[in-house]
């Protein structure tokens, strides 16, 4: 059993690139020079810091390591600021995004004791930032469509002309191609456990978002001096139909689901805190938190089933930059990339496969993971319908992959709670 789903190279790059204590001789600018008074990045200083690697367009590993040292120093400075003060100051430069309130809440979340605060903040911030950058690209280019892949969007000439080469290089190192940190894909595809991504990166990404906003307002021309045109959020016409598939869940149902998670081998022990945190978020009616936690966690669990059913255990791990990730599109495809049949269909059954396809893949369905991970939905406007539907699907899988004796034990515990 793998203790991590990060391949050795990816694990080392993400976890070891951030020094525990910022060093004066690590090549990064001094702590006092990195940030301006409003906690935004000092771009001229960073341009000097990245000058030897900024022209690179294929291998971002060297830049990723520089990001680690930078993140450590940014964290050292901003973590000493009163959380509410940091939130107020950074929020002033977030109005260029379609969801400044959502990003502000992510900043506030980092100042709490929520054990999943890093995961939640990075997942939501990367989605909002992708949407915001796409809006800027469309505003500047007047193009009809935005590049569908984030790495292609980050490579556009329009964004580099707007924000500058240093800012775009930093973004490519953080959330761009697999040769960098690739935090967006590592998190949204469920490869990283809650403790595997350093907190410093969450602070750095949110500081970058605020710094880009300040960069826009300082431009002599362009969208910063006018208006960034934001695309409307998508709606879910299927929501009413989905809401009739399963009944709503009571507090005792949520407690039973949490107990079931602890007994099911559908979930790795290292991922269990994420599933529990998702239940807690649903209990607290934080539907966006529930969805950004449970969707990657479900993909992680399904990937393990896929790897077992198709006898390819190596596919459980993150890919290195030379190979492709195993994502939901392939996990739920009827045919593998080598032309052979996907045996996951036989493993879980046609009904469960269709249930997943309806929710996550079919073009006429909600395509929930895609829509949320690319920032196409209003995180503040999510209802209870999809969280309940998704949790019920997870319970079905967890029940299938739980020893019968454990299922009976969970059932007895639930009945005992109901009598109290």
Protein backbone atom coordinates (compact mmCIF):
# COMPACT_ATOMS: atom_id res chain seq x y z
CA UNK A 1 0.00 0.00 0.00
CA UNK A 2 1.40 3.39 -1.00
CA UNK A 3 1.84 5.87 1.82
CA UNK A 4 1.57 8.68 -0.73
CA UNK A 5 0.07 9.04 -4.18
CA UNK A 6 2.77 11.51 -5.21
CA UNK A 7 5.52 9.98 -7.32
CA UNK A 8 9.02 10.37 -5.85
CA UNK A 9 10.02 13.27 -8.07
CA UNK A 10 6.79 15.20 -7.51
CA UNK A 11 6.83 14.48 -3.78
CA UNK A 12 10.39 15.76 -3.46
CA UNK A 13 9.74 18.89 -5.52
CA UNK A 14 6.63 19.88 -3.58
CA UNK A 15 7.56 18.92 -0.04
CA UNK A 16 11.31 19.55 -0.02
CA UNK A 17 11.45 22.81 -1.99
CA UNK A 18 10.26 24.92 0.98
CA UNK A 19 12.99 25.32 3.63
CA UNK A 20 11.76 25.04 7.20
CA UNK A 21 13.58 28.24 8.10
CA UNK A 22 14.24 30.93 5.48
CA UNK A 23 17.99 31.19 4.93
CA UNK A 24 19.84 34.39 4.19
CA UNK A 25 22.07 32.66 1.62
CA UNK A 26 19.40 30.77 -0.37
CA UNK A 27 19.55 33.20 -3.27
CA UNK A 28 16.08 34.61 -2.61
CA UNK A 29 15.68 38.33 -1.89
CA UNK A 30 15.77 39.37 1.75
CA UNK A 31 12.51 39.17 3.66
CA UNK A 32 12.26 42.94 3.95
CA UNK A 33 12.57 43.41 0.16
CA UNK A 34 10.16 40.75 -1.10
CA UNK A 35 6.88 42.47 -0.21
CA UNK A 36 5.64 46.02 -0.44
CA UNK A 37 3.82 47.73 2.43
CA UNK A 38 0.49 46.35 1.22
CA UNK A 39 1.87 42.78 1.20
CA UNK A 40 2.14 42.57 -2.57
CA UNK A 41 5.16 41.14 -4.35
CA UNK A 42 7.96 43.49 -5.31
CA UNK A 43 8.14 42.60 -9.02
CA UNK A 44 11.44 44.41 -9.84
CA UNK A 45 13.16 42.48 -7.05
CA UNK A 46 11.62 39.20 -8.22
CA UNK A 47 12.63 39.91 -11.82
CA UNK A 48 16.24 39.94 -10.65
CA UNK A 49 15.66 36.76 -8.61
CA UNK A 50 14.23 34.79 -11.55
CA UNK A 51 16.39 36.33 -14.31
CA UNK A 52 18.46 33.19 -14.90
CA UNK A 53 15.43 30.92 -15.45
CA UNK A 54 12.59 33.17 -16.66
CA UNK A 55 13.20 32.40 -20.35
CA UNK A 56 12.69 28.65 -19.78
CA UNK A 57 9.52 27.30 -21.42
CA UNK A 58 9.80 23.54 -20.87
CA UNK A 59 11.48 22.56 -17.59
CA UNK A 60 10.21 24.54 -14.61
CA UNK A 61 11.85 22.44 -11.91
CA UNK A 62 14.59 25.00 -11.21
CA UNK A 63 12.02 27.76 -10.99
CA UNK A 64 9.87 25.61 -8.72
CA UNK A 65 12.74 25.28 -6.26
CA UNK A 66 13.21 29.03 -6.32
CA UNK A 67 9.47 29.34 -5.60
CA UNK A 68 9.97 27.23 -2.49
CA UNK A 69 12.54 29.64 -1.06
CA UNK A 70 10.34 32.58 -2.06
CA UNK A 71 7.25 31.03 -0.45
CA UNK A 72 9.13 30.48 2.80
CA UNK A 73 10.09 34.14 3.03
CA UNK A 74 6.64 35.41 2.04
CA UNK A 75 5.12 33.15 4.69
CA UNK A 76 7.62 34.30 7.32
CA UNK A 77 6.46 37.89 6.80
CA UNK A 78 2.70 37.60 6.26
CA UNK A 79 2.11 34.91 8.91
CA UNK A 80 3.16 37.44 11.54
CA UNK A 81 0.41 39.84 10.45
CA UNK A 82 -2.92 39.77 12.28
CA UNK A 83 -5.16 37.56 10.07
CA UNK A 84 -7.96 40.12 9.83
CA UNK A 85 -5.43 42.83 8.93
CA UNK A 86 -3.87 40.68 6.20
CA UNK A 87 -7.31 39.83 4.86
CA UNK A 88 -8.34 43.51 4.70
CA UNK A 89 -5.15 44.64 2.96
CA UNK A 90 -4.94 41.87 0.35
CA UNK A 91 -8.65 42.14 -0.43
CA UNK A 92 -8.13 45.68 -1.72
CA UNK A 93 -6.39 44.30 -4.81
CA UNK A 94 -8.70 41.37 -5.54
CA UNK A 95 -11.52 43.22 -7.31
CA UNK A 96 -10.01 42.30 -10.70
CA UNK A 97 -11.16 38.71 -10.11
CA UNK A 98 -14.77 37.53 -10.47
CA UNK A 99 -14.82 36.40 -6.82
CA UNK A 100 -12.95 38.80 -4.50
CA UNK A 101 -15.10 37.78 -1.54
CA UNK A 102 -14.30 34.11 -2.07
CA UNK A 103 -10.56 34.77 -2.24
CA UNK A 104 -10.78 36.99 0.84
CA UNK A 105 -12.45 34.13 2.71
CA UNK A 106 -9.55 31.87 1.67
CA UNK A 107 -7.10 34.35 3.22
CA UNK A 108 -9.17 34.39 6.40
CA UNK A 109 -9.37 30.60 6.45
CA UNK A 110 -5.57 30.33 6.58
CA UNK A 111 -5.68 32.10 9.94
CA UNK A 112 -7.92 29.42 11.48
CA UNK A 113 -7.19 26.01 13.00
CA UNK A 114 -9.09 24.11 10.27
CA UNK A 115 -6.79 21.14 9.51
CA UNK A 116 -7.78 21.27 5.82
CA UNK A 117 -7.32 25.05 5.48
CA UNK A 118 -4.34 24.67 3.11
CA UNK A 119 -6.17 22.28 0.81
CA UNK A 120 -9.39 24.29 0.72
CA UNK A 121 -7.61 27.61 0.14
CA UNK A 122 -5.40 26.28 -2.65
CA UNK A 123 -8.23 24.42 -4.38
CA UNK A 124 -10.58 27.41 -4.39
CA UNK A 125 -7.90 30.04 -5.07
CA UNK A 126 -6.47 28.13 -8.06
CA UNK A 127 -9.96 27.78 -9.57
CA UNK A 128 -10.84 31.46 -9.09
CA UNK A 129 -7.43 32.57 -10.37
CA UNK A 130 -7.78 30.44 -13.51
CA UNK A 131 -11.15 32.00 -14.22
CA UNK A 132 -9.83 35.52 -13.57
CA UNK A 133 -6.83 35.07 -15.85
CA UNK A 134 -9.12 33.74 -18.57
CA UNK A 135 -11.29 36.84 -18.23
CA UNK A 136 -8.25 39.11 -18.59
CA UNK A 137 -7.09 37.14 -21.64
CA UNK A 138 -10.49 37.48 -23.33
CA UNK A 139 -10.72 41.17 -22.45
CA UNK A 140 -7.30 41.93 -23.90
CA UNK A 141 -7.33 39.60 -26.92
CA UNK A 142 -11.00 40.01 -27.92
CA UNK A 143 -10.84 36.30 -28.76
CA UNK A 144 -14.02 34.25 -28.89
CA UNK A 145 -12.67 31.50 -26.67
CA UNK A 146 -10.19 31.06 -23.86
CA UNK A 147 -7.55 28.27 -23.98
CA UNK A 148 -9.13 25.25 -22.32
CA UNK A 149 -5.95 24.14 -20.53
CA UNK A 150 -4.49 26.30 -17.77
CA UNK A 151 -0.93 25.68 -18.93
CA UNK A 152 -1.83 27.01 -22.39
CA UNK A 153 -3.55 30.04 -20.90
CA UNK A 154 -0.48 30.84 -18.80
CA UNK A 155 1.68 30.73 -21.93
CA UNK A 156 -0.33 33.32 -23.90
CA UNK A 157 1.35 36.45 -25.14
CA UNK A 158 -1.61 38.55 -24.00
CA UNK A 159 -1.18 37.66 -20.32
CA UNK A 160 2.59 38.11 -20.48
CA UNK A 161 2.14 41.58 -22.00
CA UNK A 162 -0.42 42.45 -19.33
CA UNK A 163 1.30 41.15 -16.19
CA UNK A 164 4.91 40.88 -17.29
CA UNK A 165 7.21 37.86 -17.85
CA UNK A 166 8.19 37.46 -14.19
CA UNK A 167 4.62 37.22 -12.93
CA UNK A 168 3.65 34.70 -15.59
CA UNK A 169 6.78 32.64 -15.02
CA UNK A 170 5.97 32.49 -11.30
CA UNK A 171 2.43 31.32 -12.09
CA UNK A 172 3.70 28.67 -14.48
CA UNK A 173 6.03 27.37 -11.77
CA UNK A 174 3.21 27.26 -9.21
CA UNK A 175 0.13 26.05 -11.10
CA UNK A 176 1.32 25.43 -14.65
CA UNK A 177 2.95 22.47 -16.42
CA UNK A 178 3.89 19.17 -14.70
CA UNK A 179 7.59 20.05 -14.78
CA UNK A 180 6.86 22.72 -12.16
CA UNK A 181 5.00 22.36 -8.87
CA UNK A 182 1.76 21.84 -10.80
CA UNK A 183 -0.21 22.48 -7.61
CA UNK A 184 -3.52 22.95 -9.38
CA UNK A 185 -3.54 19.50 -10.98
CA UNK A 186 -1.89 17.71 -8.06
CA UNK A 187 -4.65 18.95 -5.76
CA UNK A 188 -7.69 18.94 -8.03
CA UNK A 189 -7.00 15.40 -9.26
CA UNK A 190 -6.71 14.11 -5.71
CA UNK A 191 -3.05 13.09 -5.64
CA UNK A 192 -1.95 15.05 -2.57
CA UNK A 193 -3.02 14.20 0.97
CA UNK A 194 -3.94 17.08 3.28
CA UNK A 195 -0.52 17.22 4.94
CA UNK A 196 1.65 16.98 1.82
CA UNK A 197 1.48 20.53 0.42
CA UNK A 198 3.33 23.12 2.53
CA UNK A 199 1.22 25.93 3.95
CA UNK A 200 3.65 28.45 2.49
CA UNK A 201 2.31 27.81 -1.01
CA UNK A 202 -1.25 28.73 -0.02
CA UNK A 203 -0.08 32.09 1.29
CA UNK A 204 2.10 32.67 -1.76
CA UNK A 205 -0.70 31.96 -4.27
CA UNK A 206 -3.07 34.37 -2.53
CA UNK A 207 -0.37 37.04 -2.33
CA UNK A 208 0.22 36.51 -6.07
CA UNK A 209 -3.50 37.02 -6.75
CA UNK A 210 -3.45 40.33 -4.88
CA UNK A 211 -0.18 41.36 -6.51
CA UNK A 212 -1.60 40.77 -9.99
CA UNK A 213 -4.51 43.04 -9.12
CA UNK A 214 -2.13 45.78 -8.08
CA UNK A 215 -0.18 45.21 -11.29
CA UNK A 216 -3.34 45.82 -13.32
CA UNK A 217 -4.16 49.09 -11.57
CA UNK A 218 -0.61 50.37 -12.20
CA UNK A 219 -0.83 49.86 -15.97
CA UNK A 220 -1.00 52.99 -18.12
CA UNK A 221 -3.39 51.24 -20.47
CA UNK A 222 -5.19 47.93 -20.72
CA UNK A 223 -7.92 46.23 -18.66
CA UNK A 224 -6.63 47.64 -15.37
CA UNK A 225 -7.49 51.15 -16.51
CA UNK A 226 -10.79 50.02 -17.91
CA UNK A 227 -12.84 47.04 -16.89
CA UNK A 228 -12.03 43.34 -16.92
CA UNK A 229 -15.06 41.75 -18.52
CA UNK A 230 -16.09 38.74 -16.46
CA UNK A 231 -17.90 35.85 -18.07
CA UNK A 232 -21.19 34.92 -16.39
CA UNK A 233 -21.18 31.91 -14.10
CA UNK A 234 -22.81 28.78 -15.42
CA UNK A 235 -26.04 27.46 -13.93
CA UNK A 236 -27.09 23.85 -13.46
CA UNK A 237 -30.45 23.10 -15.14
CA UNK A 238 -30.00 19.48 -14.00
CA UNK A 239 -30.02 20.47 -10.33
CA UNK A 240 -33.75 19.97 -9.86
CA UNK A 241 -33.62 16.47 -11.31
CA UNK A 242 -30.55 15.57 -9.26
CA UNK A 243 -32.33 16.75 -6.13
CA UNK A 244 -35.00 14.08 -6.58
CA UNK A 245 -32.60 11.12 -6.82
CA UNK A 246 -31.72 10.92 -3.11
CA UNK A 247 -33.47 12.17 0.00
CA UNK A 248 -31.86 14.91 2.09
CA UNK A 249 -29.51 13.77 4.84
CA UNK A 250 -30.03 14.34 8.56
CA UNK A 251 -27.29 14.93 11.13
CA UNK A 252 -27.51 11.26 12.12
CA UNK A 253 -27.09 10.27 8.46
CA UNK A 254 -23.94 12.40 8.26
CA UNK A 255 -22.62 10.79 11.44
CA UNK A 256 -23.27 7.33 9.99
CA UNK A 257 -21.50 8.29 6.76
CA UNK A 258 -18.48 9.44 8.73
CA UNK A 259 -18.41 6.15 10.62
CA UNK A 260 -18.65 4.26 7.34
CA UNK A 261 -15.69 6.18 5.91
CA UNK A 262 -13.56 4.97 8.81
CA UNK A 263 -14.37 1.33 8.06
CA UNK A 264 -14.24 1.34 4.25
CA UNK A 265 -11.16 0.26 2.32
CA UNK A 266 -12.43 2.46 -0.54
CA UNK A 267 -10.58 5.24 1.34
CA UNK A 268 -6.89 5.19 2.19
CA UNK A 269 -6.10 6.08 5.83
CA UNK A 270 -3.98 9.02 4.65
CA UNK A 271 -7.02 10.48 2.88
CA UNK A 272 -9.50 9.90 5.71
CA UNK A 273 -9.00 13.37 7.29
CA UNK A 274 -10.13 14.91 3.99
CA UNK A 275 -13.33 12.85 3.93
CA UNK A 276 -14.06 13.71 7.57
CA UNK A 277 -13.46 17.38 6.92
CA UNK A 278 -15.88 17.22 4.01
CA UNK A 279 -18.60 15.83 6.30
CA UNK A 280 -17.88 18.61 8.79
CA UNK A 281 -18.18 21.21 6.02
CA UNK A 282 -21.54 19.81 4.92
CA UNK A 283 -22.73 19.78 8.52
CA UNK A 284 -21.77 23.47 8.74
CA UNK A 285 -23.50 24.22 5.40
CA UNK A 286 -20.21 25.18 3.76
CA UNK A 287 -21.13 23.61 0.47
CA UNK A 288 -18.18 24.95 -1.54
CA UNK A 289 -15.75 23.50 1.02
CA UNK A 290 -17.50 20.15 0.88
CA UNK A 291 -17.34 19.96 -2.91
CA UNK A 292 -13.71 21.03 -3.31
CA UNK A 293 -12.69 18.41 -0.75
CA UNK A 294 -14.86 15.49 -1.79
CA UNK A 295 -14.46 15.71 -5.58
CA UNK A 296 -10.64 15.20 -5.58
CA UNK A 297 -10.95 12.63 -2.78
CA UNK A 298 -13.47 10.64 -4.81
CA UNK A 299 -11.21 10.78 -7.88
CA UNK A 300 -8.33 9.49 -5.76
CA UNK A 301 -10.41 6.54 -4.54
CA UNK A 302 -11.73 5.74 -8.02
CA UNK A 303 -8.20 5.85 -9.42
CA UNK A 304 -7.20 3.12 -6.96
CA UNK A 305 -10.12 0.96 -8.13
CA UNK A 306 -9.19 1.66 -11.74
CA UNK A 307 -5.57 0.63 -11.13
CA UNK A 308 -6.63 -2.59 -9.39
CA UNK A 309 -9.26 -3.51 -11.98
CA UNK A 310 -6.83 -2.97 -14.87
CA UNK A 311 -3.70 -4.39 -13.15
CA UNK A 312 -1.73 -1.15 -13.47
CA UNK A 313 -0.75 -0.17 -9.90
CA UNK A 314 1.71 2.44 -11.17
CA UNK A 315 -1.24 4.55 -12.37
CA UNK A 316 -2.14 5.38 -8.76
CA UNK A 317 0.80 7.77 -8.55
CA UNK A 318 1.14 11.24 -10.01
CA UNK A 319 2.83 11.26 -13.36
CA UNK A 320 6.18 12.86 -13.90
CA UNK A 321 6.44 15.55 -16.56
CA UNK A 322 7.10 12.99 -19.30
CA UNK A 323 3.86 11.02 -18.94
CA UNK A 324 0.15 11.75 -18.55
CA UNK A 325 -1.86 11.80 -15.36
CA UNK A 326 -4.57 9.21 -14.87
CA UNK A 327 -7.61 11.46 -14.47
CA UNK A 328 -11.37 10.97 -14.38
CA UNK A 329 -11.70 11.09 -18.16
CA UNK A 330 -9.60 7.93 -18.50
CA UNK A 331 -10.80 6.34 -15.25
CA UNK A 332 -14.41 6.45 -16.50
CA UNK A 333 -13.69 5.83 -20.18
CA UNK A 334 -14.94 2.50 -21.63
CA UNK A 335 -11.61 2.00 -23.41
CA UNK A 336 -8.05 2.52 -22.16
CA UNK A 337 -5.42 4.54 -24.02
CA UNK A 338 -3.92 1.26 -25.28
CA UNK A 339 -7.22 0.25 -26.89
CA UNK A 340 -8.11 -2.41 -24.30
CA UNK A 341 -11.39 -2.45 -22.38
CA UNK A 342 -11.55 -0.61 -19.08
CA UNK A 343 -12.37 -3.29 -16.51
CA UNK A 344 -13.53 -0.73 -13.94
CA UNK A 345 -16.96 -1.00 -15.56
CA UNK A 346 -17.10 -4.68 -14.64
CA UNK A 347 -15.70 -4.01 -11.16
CA UNK A 348 -18.28 -1.44 -10.05
CA UNK A 349 -21.19 -2.36 -12.32
CA UNK A 350 -22.98 -0.51 -15.11
CA UNK A 351 -25.41 1.33 -12.82
CA UNK A 352 -22.68 2.92 -10.71
CA UNK A 353 -20.63 3.78 -13.78
CA UNK A 354 -23.61 5.52 -15.37
CA UNK A 355 -24.23 7.41 -12.13
CA UNK A 356 -20.68 8.75 -12.20
CA UNK A 357 -20.81 9.56 -15.90
CA UNK A 358 -24.09 11.46 -15.50
CA UNK A 359 -22.64 13.65 -12.76
CA UNK A 360 -19.07 14.11 -13.92
CA UNK A 361 -18.55 13.43 -17.63
CA UNK A 362 -21.56 13.47 -19.96
CA UNK A 363 -21.70 16.73 -21.99
CA UNK A 364 -25.35 17.30 -21.15
CA UNK A 365 -24.79 16.63 -17.46
CA UNK A 366 -23.52 19.10 -14.84
CA UNK A 367 -19.87 17.99 -15.30
CA UNK A 368 -19.52 19.01 -11.69
CA UNK A 369 -15.79 18.48 -11.15
CA UNK A 370 -14.82 20.30 -14.37
CA UNK A 371 -17.12 23.25 -13.74
CA UNK A 372 -16.01 23.79 -10.16
CA UNK A 373 -12.28 23.16 -10.68
CA UNK A 374 -12.11 25.70 -13.52
CA UNK A 375 -13.90 28.38 -11.51
CA UNK A 376 -17.01 28.40 -13.71
CA UNK A 377 -19.41 28.41 -10.74
CA UNK A 378 -20.20 30.95 -8.05
CA UNK A 379 -18.67 29.41 -4.93
CA UNK A 380 -20.93 31.58 -2.76
CA UNK A 381 -24.07 30.45 -4.57
CA UNK A 382 -23.79 26.67 -4.34
CA UNK A 383 -26.82 24.89 -2.89
CA UNK A 384 -27.15 21.70 -0.86
CA UNK A 385 -28.40 19.61 -3.80
CA UNK A 386 -25.12 18.50 -5.33
CA UNK A 387 -23.31 17.92 -2.01
CA UNK A 388 -26.07 15.57 -0.85
CA UNK A 389 -26.18 13.78 -4.21
CA UNK A 390 -22.42 13.36 -4.28
CA UNK A 391 -22.20 12.19 -0.68
CA UNK A 392 -24.85 9.54 -1.31
CA UNK A 393 -22.81 8.25 -4.26
CA UNK A 394 -19.72 8.10 -2.03
CA UNK A 395 -21.68 6.17 0.61
CA UNK A 396 -22.72 3.64 -2.04
CA UNK A 397 -19.10 3.00 -2.98
CA UNK A 398 -17.90 2.92 0.61
CA UNK A 399 -20.60 0.40 1.47
CA UNK A 400 -19.58 -1.83 -1.45
CA UNK A 401 -15.95 -1.76 -0.30
CA UNK A 402 -16.51 -2.40 3.40
CA UNK A 403 -16.47 -5.78 5.13
CA UNK A 404 -20.04 -6.88 5.90
CA UNK A 405 -19.31 -7.13 9.62
CA UNK A 406 -18.22 -3.48 9.64
CA UNK A 407 -21.36 -2.39 7.78
CA UNK A 408 -23.47 -4.14 10.45
CA UNK A 409 -21.46 -2.42 13.19
CA UNK A 410 -22.02 1.03 11.63
CA UNK A 411 -25.74 0.25 11.27
CA UNK A 412 -25.98 -0.72 14.96
CA UNK A 413 -24.18 2.47 16.00
CA UNK A 414 -26.56 4.57 13.93
CA UNK A 415 -29.63 2.88 15.46
CA UNK A 416 -28.18 3.43 18.94
CA UNK A 417 -27.68 7.13 18.22
CA UNK A 418 -31.24 7.46 16.92
CA UNK A 419 -32.65 5.95 20.15
CA UNK A 420 -30.71 8.40 22.35
